[in-house]
């Protein structure tokens, strides 16, 4: 679904594009940020606090994409810049996918 070039893997660009769409869909109040309620089930309170450099209790799109990139890199165990189905089935891959649903 996120594999825009149909090569059987996800690269960071494809993942960030999908994440930006999810961000827009989750931003129910259209204020350009996601709060803990809008992020429910995607980030724990601790993860939100760690991803929130300005400590305002919300994530901007850039902050959200930084979390996505961090999780992408954690799932990319072979370091090839793409995620295959095996990498997406790992705990790091599943954590990334939670941000994309």
PDB file of N, CA and C in Angstrom:
ATOM      1  N   UNK A   1       0.822  -1.193   0.000  1.00  0.00           N
ATOM      2  CA  UNK A   1       0.000   0.000   0.000  1.00  0.00           C
ATOM      3  C   UNK A   1       0.873   1.266   0.000  1.00  0.00           C
ATOM      4  N   UNK A   2       2.012   1.221   0.705  1.00  0.00           N
ATOM      5  CA  UNK A   2       2.890   2.391   0.774  1.00  0.00           C
ATOM      6  C   UNK A   2       4.006   2.323  -0.265  1.00  0.00           C
ATOM      7  N   UNK A   3       4.169   1.185  -0.906  1.00  0.00           N
ATOM      8  CA  UNK A   3       5.252   0.937  -1.853  1.00  0.00           C
ATOM      9  C   UNK A   3       4.929   1.580  -3.199  1.00  0.00           C
ATOM     10  N   UNK A   4       5.217   2.853  -3.315  1.00  0.00           N
ATOM     11  CA  UNK A   4       4.807   3.633  -4.485  1.00  0.00           C
ATOM     12  C   UNK A   4       5.479   3.192  -5.782  1.00  0.00           C
ATOM     13  N   UNK A   5       6.720   2.695  -5.687  1.00  0.00           N
ATOM     14  CA  UNK A   5       7.400   2.260  -6.904  1.00  0.00           C
ATOM     15  C   UNK A   5       7.275   0.754  -7.153  1.00  0.00           C
ATOM     16  N   UNK A   6       6.497   0.073  -6.318  1.00  0.00           N
ATOM     17  CA  UNK A   6       6.182  -1.356  -6.473  1.00  0.00           C
ATOM     18  C   UNK A   6       7.432  -2.226  -6.600  1.00  0.00           C
ATOM     19  N   UNK A   7       8.468  -1.894  -5.810  1.00  0.00           N
ATOM     20  CA  UNK A   7       9.683  -2.704  -5.853  1.00  0.00           C
ATOM     21  C   UNK A   7       9.741  -3.741  -4.737  1.00  0.00           C
ATOM     22  N   UNK A   8       8.686  -3.833  -3.941  1.00  0.00           N
ATOM     23  CA  UNK A   8       8.639  -4.821  -2.869  1.00  0.00           C
ATOM     24  C   UNK A   8       9.286  -4.367  -1.576  1.00  0.00           C
ATOM     25  N   UNK A   9       9.759  -3.126  -1.532  1.00  0.00           N
ATOM     26  CA  UNK A   9      10.358  -2.581  -0.320  1.00  0.00           C
ATOM     27  C   UNK A   9       9.845  -1.158  -0.110  1.00  0.00           C
ATOM     28  N   UNK A  10      10.073  -0.659   1.096  1.00  0.00           N
ATOM     29  CA  UNK A  10       9.729   0.732   1.414  1.00  0.00           C
ATOM     30  C   UNK A  10      11.011   1.503   1.655  1.00  0.00           C
ATOM     31  N   UNK A  11      11.144   2.642   0.992  1.00  0.00           N
ATOM     32  CA  UNK A  11      12.269   3.515   1.298  1.00  0.00           C
ATOM     33  C   UNK A  11      11.766   4.653   2.185  1.00  0.00           C
ATOM     34  N   UNK A  12      12.694   5.447   2.697  1.00  0.00           N
ATOM     35  CA  UNK A  12      12.325   6.499   3.639  1.00  0.00           C
ATOM     36  C   UNK A  12      11.385   7.512   3.002  1.00  0.00           C
ATOM     37  N   UNK A  13      11.578   7.840   1.747  1.00  0.00           N
ATOM     38  CA  UNK A  13      10.688   8.785   1.069  1.00  0.00           C
ATOM     39  C   UNK A  13       9.256   8.292   1.019  1.00  0.00           C
ATOM     40  N   UNK A  14       9.078   7.011   0.701  1.00  0.00           N
ATOM     41  CA  UNK A  14       7.734   6.437   0.653  1.00  0.00           C
ATOM     42  C   UNK A  14       7.093   6.442   2.037  1.00  0.00           C
ATOM     43  N   UNK A  15       7.887   6.111   3.039  1.00  0.00           N
ATOM     44  CA  UNK A  15       7.379   6.062   4.410  1.00  0.00           C
ATOM     45  C   UNK A  15       7.002   7.461   4.893  1.00  0.00           C
ATOM     46  N   UNK A  16       7.844   8.444   4.611  1.00  0.00           N
ATOM     47  CA  UNK A  16       7.535   9.815   5.044  1.00  0.00           C
ATOM     48  C   UNK A  16       6.312  10.366   4.315  1.00  0.00           C
ATOM     49  N   UNK A  17       6.142  10.028   3.056  1.00  0.00           N
ATOM     50  CA  UNK A  17       4.960  10.480   2.323  1.00  0.00           C
ATOM     51  C   UNK A  17       3.702   9.888   2.949  1.00  0.00           C
ATOM     52  N   UNK A  18       3.747   8.602   3.276  1.00  0.00           N
ATOM     53  CA  UNK A  18       2.609   7.956   3.932  1.00  0.00           C
ATOM     54  C   UNK A  18       2.354   8.579   5.303  1.00  0.00           C
ATOM     55  N   UNK A  19       3.425   8.846   6.043  1.00  0.00           N
ATOM     56  CA  UNK A  19       3.301   9.425   7.379  1.00  0.00           C
ATOM     57  C   UNK A  19       2.700  10.826   7.332  1.00  0.00           C
ATOM     58  N   UNK A  20       3.061  11.605   6.329  1.00  0.00           N
ATOM     59  CA  UNK A  20       2.495  12.948   6.190  1.00  0.00           C
ATOM     60  C   UNK A  20       0.988  12.871   5.949  1.00  0.00           C
ATOM     61  N   UNK A  21       0.563  11.885   5.176  1.00  0.00           N
ATOM     62  CA  UNK A  21      -0.868  11.684   4.956  1.00  0.00           C
ATOM     63  C   UNK A  21      -1.586  11.273   6.229  1.00  0.00           C
ATOM     64  N   UNK A  22      -0.957  10.409   7.002  1.00  0.00           N
ATOM     65  CA  UNK A  22      -1.536   9.985   8.280  1.00  0.00           C
ATOM     66  C   UNK A  22      -1.636  11.179   9.220  1.00  0.00           C
ATOM     67  N   UNK A  23      -0.576  11.987   9.265  1.00  0.00           N
ATOM     68  CA  UNK A  23      -0.571  13.173  10.120  1.00  0.00           C
ATOM     69  C   UNK A  23      -1.773  14.052   9.792  1.00  0.00           C
ATOM     70  N   UNK A  24      -1.986  14.327   8.527  1.00  0.00           N
ATOM     71  CA  UNK A  24      -3.104  15.184   8.112  1.00  0.00           C
ATOM     72  C   UNK A  24      -4.441  14.573   8.515  1.00  0.00           C
ATOM     73  N   UNK A  25      -4.557  13.276   8.384  1.00  0.00           N
ATOM     74  CA  UNK A  25      -5.803  12.599   8.745  1.00  0.00           C
ATOM     75  C   UNK A  25      -6.041  12.613  10.258  1.00  0.00           C
ATOM     76  N   UNK A  26      -4.964  12.502  11.035  1.00  0.00           N
ATOM     77  CA  UNK A  26      -5.089  12.475  12.497  1.00  0.00           C
ATOM     78  C   UNK A  26      -5.322  13.849  13.108  1.00  0.00           C
ATOM     79  N   UNK A  27      -4.945  14.891  12.405  1.00  0.00           N
ATOM     80  CA  UNK A  27      -5.048  16.264  12.922  1.00  0.00           C
ATOM     81  C   UNK A  27      -6.508  16.729  12.846  1.00  0.00           C
ATOM     82  N   UNK A  28      -7.332  16.170  13.722  1.00  0.00           N
ATOM     83  CA  UNK A  28      -8.780  16.413  13.699  1.00  0.00           C
ATOM     84  C   UNK A  28      -9.152  17.877  13.867  1.00  0.00           C
ATOM     85  N   UNK A  29      -8.399  18.601  14.681  1.00  0.00           N
ATOM     86  CA  UNK A  29      -8.734  20.006  14.914  1.00  0.00           C
ATOM     87  C   UNK A  29      -8.020  20.951  13.937  1.00  0.00           C
ATOM     88  N   UNK A  30      -7.246  20.391  13.031  1.00  0.00           N
ATOM     89  CA  UNK A  30      -6.583  21.149  11.964  1.00  0.00           C
ATOM     90  C   UNK A  30      -5.723  22.301  12.497  1.00  0.00           C
ATOM     91  N   UNK A  31      -5.030  22.035  13.618  1.00  0.00           N
ATOM     92  CA  UNK A  31      -4.162  23.076  14.181  1.00  0.00           C
ATOM     93  C   UNK A  31      -2.696  22.881  13.796  1.00  0.00           C
ATOM     94  N   UNK A  32      -2.413  21.880  12.973  1.00  0.00           N
ATOM     95  CA  UNK A  32      -1.047  21.645  12.524  1.00  0.00           C
ATOM     96  C   UNK A  32      -0.185  20.881  13.500  1.00  0.00           C
ATOM     97  N   UNK A  33      -0.804  20.348  14.555  1.00  0.00           N
ATOM     98  CA  UNK A  33      -0.088  19.542  15.535  1.00  0.00           C
ATOM     99  C   UNK A  33      -0.942  18.342  15.921  1.00  0.00           C
ATOM    100  N   UNK A  34      -0.264  17.339  16.480  1.00  0.00           N
ATOM    101  CA  UNK A  34      -0.965  16.177  17.036  1.00  0.00           C
ATOM    102  C   UNK A  34      -0.719  16.143  18.534  1.00  0.00           C
ATOM    103  N   UNK A  35      -1.807  16.022  19.298  1.00  0.00           N
ATOM    104  CA  UNK A  35      -1.683  15.910  20.750  1.00  0.00           C
ATOM    105  C   UNK A  35      -1.825  14.447  21.154  1.00  0.00           C
ATOM    106  N   UNK A  36      -1.776  14.189  22.458  1.00  0.00           N
ATOM    107  CA  UNK A  36      -1.800  12.804  22.940  1.00  0.00           C
ATOM    108  C   UNK A  36      -3.076  12.083  22.546  1.00  0.00           C
ATOM    109  N   UNK A  37      -4.174  12.790  22.434  1.00  0.00           N
ATOM    110  CA  UNK A  37      -5.432  12.148  22.047  1.00  0.00           C
ATOM    111  C   UNK A  37      -5.414  11.768  20.574  1.00  0.00           C
ATOM    112  N   UNK A  38      -4.884  12.641  19.747  1.00  0.00           N
ATOM    113  CA  UNK A  38      -4.798  12.357  18.316  1.00  0.00           C
ATOM    114  C   UNK A  38      -3.765  11.267  18.021  1.00  0.00           C
ATOM    115  N   UNK A  39      -2.785  11.110  18.904  1.00  0.00           N
ATOM    116  CA  UNK A  39      -1.737  10.103  18.740  1.00  0.00           C
ATOM    117  C   UNK A  39      -2.046   8.791  19.461  1.00  0.00           C
ATOM    118  N   UNK A  40      -3.188   8.677  20.074  1.00  0.00           N
ATOM    119  CA  UNK A  40      -3.537   7.501  20.881  1.00  0.00           C
ATOM    120  C   UNK A  40      -3.275   6.211  20.102  1.00  0.00           C
ATOM    121  N   UNK A  41      -2.577   5.291  20.761  1.00  0.00           N
ATOM    122  CA  UNK A  41      -2.271   4.004  20.165  1.00  0.00           C
ATOM    123  C   UNK A  41      -1.049   4.011  19.266  1.00  0.00           C
ATOM    124  N   UNK A  42      -0.475   5.160  19.040  1.00  0.00           N
ATOM    125  CA  UNK A  42       0.697   5.258  18.170  1.00  0.00           C
ATOM    126  C   UNK A  42       1.974   5.533  18.960  1.00  0.00           C
ATOM    127  N   UNK A  43       1.872   6.425  19.937  1.00  0.00           N
ATOM    128  CA  UNK A  43       3.009   6.760  20.796  1.00  0.00           C
ATOM    129  C   UNK A  43       2.564   6.736  22.251  1.00  0.00           C
ATOM    130  N   UNK A  44       3.402   6.188  23.107  1.00  0.00           N
ATOM    131  CA  UNK A  44       3.124   6.248  24.538  1.00  0.00           C
ATOM    132  C   UNK A  44       3.422   7.662  25.032  1.00  0.00           C
ATOM    133  N   UNK A  45       3.016   7.961  26.246  1.00  0.00           N
ATOM    134  CA  UNK A  45       3.289   9.280  26.827  1.00  0.00           C
ATOM    135  C   UNK A  45       4.794   9.533  26.871  1.00  0.00           C
ATOM    136  N   UNK A  46       5.565   8.529  27.204  1.00  0.00           N
ATOM    137  CA  UNK A  46       7.023   8.670  27.262  1.00  0.00           C
ATOM    138  C   UNK A  46       7.608   8.933  25.870  1.00  0.00           C
ATOM    139  N   UNK A  47       7.108   8.200  24.869  1.00  0.00           N
ATOM    140  CA  UNK A  47       7.589   8.409  23.498  1.00  0.00           C
ATOM    141  C   UNK A  47       7.223   9.796  22.988  1.00  0.00           C
ATOM    142  N   UNK A  48       6.021  10.258  23.328  1.00  0.00           N
ATOM    143  CA  UNK A  48       5.611  11.607  22.940  1.00  0.00           C
ATOM    144  C   UNK A  48       6.529  12.646  23.574  1.00  0.00           C
ATOM    145  N   UNK A  49       6.804  12.488  24.853  1.00  0.00           N
ATOM    146  CA  UNK A  49       7.680  13.441  25.546  1.00  0.00           C
ATOM    147  C   UNK A  49       9.077  13.451  24.925  1.00  0.00           C
ATOM    148  N   UNK A  50       9.595  12.288  24.560  1.00  0.00           N
ATOM    149  CA  UNK A  50      10.925  12.203  23.960  1.00  0.00           C
ATOM    150  C   UNK A  50      10.961  12.820  22.559  1.00  0.00           C
ATOM    151  N   UNK A  51       9.837  12.767  21.847  1.00  0.00           N
ATOM    152  CA  UNK A  51       9.770  13.278  20.481  1.00  0.00           C
ATOM    153  C   UNK A  51       9.394  14.751  20.410  1.00  0.00           C
ATOM    154  N   UNK A  52       9.133  15.350  21.555  1.00  0.00           N
ATOM    155  CA  UNK A  52       8.617  16.720  21.633  1.00  0.00           C
ATOM    156  C   UNK A  52       9.700  17.675  22.129  1.00  0.00           C
ATOM    157  N   UNK A  53      10.593  18.157  21.234  1.00  0.00           N
ATOM    158  CA  UNK A  53      11.732  18.950  21.694  1.00  0.00           C
ATOM    159  C   UNK A  53      11.360  20.280  22.333  1.00  0.00           C
ATOM    160  N   UNK A  54      10.222  20.850  21.980  1.00  0.00           N
ATOM    161  CA  UNK A  54       9.829  22.127  22.588  1.00  0.00           C
ATOM    162  C   UNK A  54       8.916  21.938  23.805  1.00  0.00           C
ATOM    163  N   UNK A  55       8.649  20.682  24.150  1.00  0.00           N
ATOM    164  CA  UNK A  55       7.885  20.326  25.356  1.00  0.00           C
ATOM    165  C   UNK A  55       6.531  21.017  25.445  1.00  0.00           C
ATOM    166  N   UNK A  56       5.844  21.136  24.305  1.00  0.00           N
ATOM    167  CA  UNK A  56       4.515  21.750  24.316  1.00  0.00           C
ATOM    168  C   UNK A  56       3.392  20.720  24.344  1.00  0.00           C
ATOM    169  N   UNK A  57       3.750  19.443  24.419  1.00  0.00           N
ATOM    170  CA  UNK A  57       2.743  18.386  24.505  1.00  0.00           C
ATOM    171  C   UNK A  57       2.136  17.989  23.171  1.00  0.00           C
ATOM    172  N   UNK A  58       2.680  18.520  22.085  1.00  0.00           N
ATOM    173  CA  UNK A  58       2.182  18.183  20.754  1.00  0.00           C
ATOM    174  C   UNK A  58       3.362  17.943  19.814  1.00  0.00           C
ATOM    175  N   UNK A  59       3.071  17.318  18.681  1.00  0.00           N
ATOM    176  CA  UNK A  59       4.064  17.124  17.641  1.00  0.00           C
ATOM    177  C   UNK A  59       3.637  17.855  16.379  1.00  0.00           C
ATOM    178  N   UNK A  60       4.546  18.621  15.822  1.00  0.00           N
ATOM    179  CA  UNK A  60       4.325  19.214  14.504  1.00  0.00           C
ATOM    180  C   UNK A  60       4.600  18.127  13.467  1.00  0.00           C
ATOM    181  N   UNK A  61       4.327  18.427  12.223  1.00  0.00           N
ATOM    182  CA  UNK A  61       4.620  17.468  11.161  1.00  0.00           C
ATOM    183  C   UNK A  61       6.104  17.119  11.148  1.00  0.00           C
ATOM    184  N   UNK A  62       6.972  18.104  11.266  1.00  0.00           N
ATOM    185  CA  UNK A  62       8.413  17.830  11.258  1.00  0.00           C
ATOM    186  C   UNK A  62       8.818  16.934  12.425  1.00  0.00           C
ATOM    187  N   UNK A  63       8.251  17.186  13.603  1.00  0.00           N
ATOM    188  CA  UNK A  63       8.563  16.349  14.770  1.00  0.00           C
ATOM    189  C   UNK A  63       8.039  14.925  14.566  1.00  0.00           C
ATOM    190  N   UNK A  64       6.858  14.793  13.989  1.00  0.00           N
ATOM    191  CA  UNK A  64       6.287  13.479  13.712  1.00  0.00           C
ATOM    192  C   UNK A  64       7.154  12.731  12.704  1.00  0.00           C
ATOM    193  N   UNK A  65       7.573  13.422  11.654  1.00  0.00           N
ATOM    194  CA  UNK A  65       8.409  12.783  10.642  1.00  0.00           C
ATOM    195  C   UNK A  65       9.776  12.398  11.201  1.00  0.00           C
ATOM    196  N   UNK A  66      10.272  13.125  12.190  1.00  0.00           N
ATOM    197  CA  UNK A  66      11.536  12.761  12.836  1.00  0.00           C
ATOM    198  C   UNK A  66      11.382  11.434  13.587  1.00  0.00           C
ATOM    199  N   UNK A  67      10.235  11.232  14.231  1.00  0.00           N
ATOM    200  CA  UNK A  67       9.964   9.959  14.912  1.00  0.00           C
ATOM    201  C   UNK A  67       9.864   8.843  13.874  1.00  0.00           C
ATOM    202  N   UNK A  68       9.173   9.108  12.792  1.00  0.00           N
ATOM    203  CA  UNK A  68       9.038   8.124  11.719  1.00  0.00           C
ATOM    204  C   UNK A  68      10.424   7.729  11.193  1.00  0.00           C
ATOM    205  N   UNK A  69      11.269   8.715  10.945  1.00  0.00           N
ATOM    206  CA  UNK A  69      12.608   8.420  10.432  1.00  0.00           C
ATOM    207  C   UNK A  69      13.427   7.606  11.434  1.00  0.00           C
ATOM    208  N   UNK A  70      13.316   7.947  12.701  1.00  0.00           N
ATOM    209  CA  UNK A  70      14.041   7.201  13.738  1.00  0.00           C
ATOM    210  C   UNK A  70      13.580   5.743  13.757  1.00  0.00           C
ATOM    211  N   UNK A  71      12.282   5.532  13.673  1.00  0.00           N
ATOM    212  CA  UNK A  71      11.762   4.161  13.668  1.00  0.00           C
ATOM    213  C   UNK A  71      12.123   3.433  12.380  1.00  0.00           C
ATOM    214  N   UNK A  72      12.120   4.139  11.250  1.00  0.00           N
ATOM    215  CA  UNK A  72      12.549   3.543   9.986  1.00  0.00           C
ATOM    216  C   UNK A  72      13.984   3.042  10.126  1.00  0.00           C
ATOM    217  N   UNK A  73      14.856   3.895  10.630  1.00  0.00           N
ATOM    218  CA  UNK A  73      16.265   3.525  10.773  1.00  0.00           C
ATOM    219  C   UNK A  73      16.447   2.353  11.726  1.00  0.00           C
ATOM    220  N   UNK A  74      15.653   2.300  12.787  1.00  0.00           N
ATOM    221  CA  UNK A  74      15.740   1.177  13.721  1.00  0.00           C
ATOM    222  C   UNK A  74      15.307  -0.125  13.048  1.00  0.00           C
ATOM    223  N   UNK A  75      14.331  -0.049  12.178  1.00  0.00           N
ATOM    224  CA  UNK A  75      13.838  -1.251  11.486  1.00  0.00           C
ATOM    225  C   UNK A  75      14.760  -1.678  10.348  1.00  0.00           C
ATOM    226  N   UNK A  76      15.551  -0.762   9.824  1.00  0.00           N
ATOM    227  CA  UNK A  76      16.422  -1.030   8.678  1.00  0.00           C
ATOM    228  C   UNK A  76      17.718  -1.685   9.151  1.00  0.00           C
ATOM    229  N   UNK A  77      17.599  -2.918   9.606  1.00  0.00           N
ATOM    230  CA  UNK A  77      18.723  -3.601  10.245  1.00  0.00           C
ATOM    231  C   UNK A  77      19.885  -3.887   9.316  1.00  0.00           C
ATOM    232  N   UNK A  78      19.603  -4.083   8.038  1.00  0.00           N
ATOM    233  CA  UNK A  78      20.707  -4.365   7.121  1.00  0.00           C
ATOM    234  C   UNK A  78      21.328  -3.089   6.551  1.00  0.00           C
ATOM    235  N   UNK A  79      20.759  -1.934   6.884  1.00  0.00           N
ATOM    236  CA  UNK A  79      21.338  -0.660   6.500  1.00  0.00           C
ATOM    237  C   UNK A  79      21.300  -0.350   5.014  1.00  0.00           C
ATOM    238  N   UNK A  80      20.394  -1.002   4.284  1.00  0.00           N
ATOM    239  CA  UNK A  80      20.354  -0.783   2.834  1.00  0.00           C
ATOM    240  C   UNK A  80      19.444   0.364   2.420  1.00  0.00           C
ATOM    241  N   UNK A  81      18.811   1.029   3.386  1.00  0.00           N
ATOM    242  CA  UNK A  81      17.955   2.168   3.066  1.00  0.00           C
ATOM    243  C   UNK A  81      16.546   1.804   2.653  1.00  0.00           C
ATOM    244  N   UNK A  82      16.220   0.527   2.722  1.00  0.00           N
ATOM    245  CA  UNK A  82      14.863   0.078   2.411  1.00  0.00           C
ATOM    246  C   UNK A  82      14.418  -0.941   3.452  1.00  0.00           C
ATOM    247  N   UNK A  83      13.108  -1.072   3.570  1.00  0.00           N
ATOM    248  CA  UNK A  83      12.536  -2.074   4.473  1.00  0.00           C
ATOM    249  C   UNK A  83      11.792  -3.106   3.645  1.00  0.00           C
ATOM    250  N   UNK A  84      12.119  -4.367   3.897  1.00  0.00           N
ATOM    251  CA  UNK A  84      11.381  -5.447   3.246  1.00  0.00           C
ATOM    252  C   UNK A  84      10.385  -6.028   4.242  1.00  0.00           C
ATOM    253  N   UNK A  85       9.618  -7.000   3.799  1.00  0.00           N
ATOM    254  CA  UNK A  85       8.576  -7.587   4.647  1.00  0.00           C
ATOM    255  C   UNK A  85       9.163  -8.173   5.927  1.00  0.00           C
ATOM    256  N   UNK A  86      10.330  -8.780   5.845  1.00  0.00           N
ATOM    257  CA  UNK A  86      10.964  -9.373   7.033  1.00  0.00           C
ATOM    258  C   UNK A  86      11.274  -8.293   8.064  1.00  0.00           C
ATOM    259  N   UNK A  87      11.821  -7.162   7.622  1.00  0.00           N
ATOM    260  CA  UNK A  87      12.147  -6.075   8.546  1.00  0.00           C
ATOM    261  C   UNK A  87      10.883  -5.455   9.138  1.00  0.00           C
ATOM    262  N   UNK A  88       9.815  -5.400   8.366  1.00  0.00           N
ATOM    263  CA  UNK A  88       8.564  -4.830   8.877  1.00  0.00           C
ATOM    264  C   UNK A  88       7.893  -5.739   9.909  1.00  0.00           C
ATOM    265  N   UNK A  89       8.254  -7.015   9.924  1.00  0.00           N
ATOM    266  CA  UNK A  89       7.687  -7.942  10.910  1.00  0.00           C
ATOM    267  C   UNK A  89       8.429  -7.912  12.240  1.00  0.00           C
ATOM    268  N   UNK A  90       9.561  -7.210  12.310  1.00  0.00           N
ATOM    269  CA  UNK A  90      10.288  -7.106  13.573  1.00  0.00           C
ATOM    270  C   UNK A  90       9.550  -6.152  14.511  1.00  0.00           C
ATOM    271  N   UNK A  91       9.953  -6.122  15.756  1.00  0.00           N
ATOM    272  CA  UNK A  91       9.294  -5.198  16.700  1.00  0.00           C
ATOM    273  C   UNK A  91       9.521  -3.747  16.257  1.00  0.00           C
ATOM    274  N   UNK A  92      10.709  -3.436  15.743  1.00  0.00           N
ATOM    275  CA  UNK A  92      10.971  -2.071  15.257  1.00  0.00           C
ATOM    276  C   UNK A  92      10.103  -1.764  14.038  1.00  0.00           C
ATOM    277  N   UNK A  93       9.934  -2.729  13.161  1.00  0.00           N
ATOM    278  CA  UNK A  93       9.080  -2.543  11.989  1.00  0.00           C
ATOM    279  C   UNK A  93       7.625  -2.344  12.366  1.00  0.00           C
ATOM    280  N   UNK A  94       7.159  -3.113  13.326  1.00  0.00           N
ATOM    281  CA  UNK A  94       5.767  -2.963  13.790  1.00  0.00           C
ATOM    282  C   UNK A  94       5.566  -1.610  14.467  1.00  0.00           C
ATOM    283  N   UNK A  95       6.581  -1.129  15.197  1.00  0.00           N
ATOM    284  CA  UNK A  95       6.496   0.207  15.823  1.00  0.00           C
ATOM    285  C   UNK A  95       6.378   1.278  14.755  1.00  0.00           C
ATOM    286  N   UNK A  96       7.104   1.122  13.665  1.00  0.00           N
ATOM    287  CA  UNK A  96       6.992   2.066  12.546  1.00  0.00           C
ATOM    288  C   UNK A  96       5.596   2.006  11.941  1.00  0.00           C
ATOM    289  N   UNK A  97       5.110   0.807  11.694  1.00  0.00           N
ATOM    290  CA  UNK A  97       3.803   0.657  11.062  1.00  0.00           C
ATOM    291  C   UNK A  97       2.678   1.249  11.907  1.00  0.00           C
ATOM    292  N   UNK A  98       2.833   1.264  13.235  1.00  0.00           N
ATOM    293  CA  UNK A  98       1.824   1.894  14.098  1.00  0.00           C
ATOM    294  C   UNK A  98       1.679   3.386  13.774  1.00  0.00           C
ATOM    295  N   UNK A  99       2.753   4.003  13.330  1.00  0.00           N
ATOM    296  CA  UNK A  99       2.708   5.420  12.979  1.00  0.00           C
ATOM    297  C   UNK A  99       2.084   5.652  11.602  1.00  0.00           C
ATOM    298  N   UNK A 100       1.935   4.600  10.836  1.00  0.00           N
ATOM    299  CA  UNK A 100       1.446   4.727   9.457  1.00  0.00           C
ATOM    300  C   UNK A 100       0.018   4.248   9.291  1.00  0.00           C
ATOM    301  N   UNK A 101      -0.636   3.818  10.356  1.00  0.00           N
ATOM    302  CA  UNK A 101      -2.005   3.304  10.217  1.00  0.00           C
ATOM    303  C   UNK A 101      -3.012   4.356  10.603  1.00  0.00           C
TER     304      UNK A 101
END
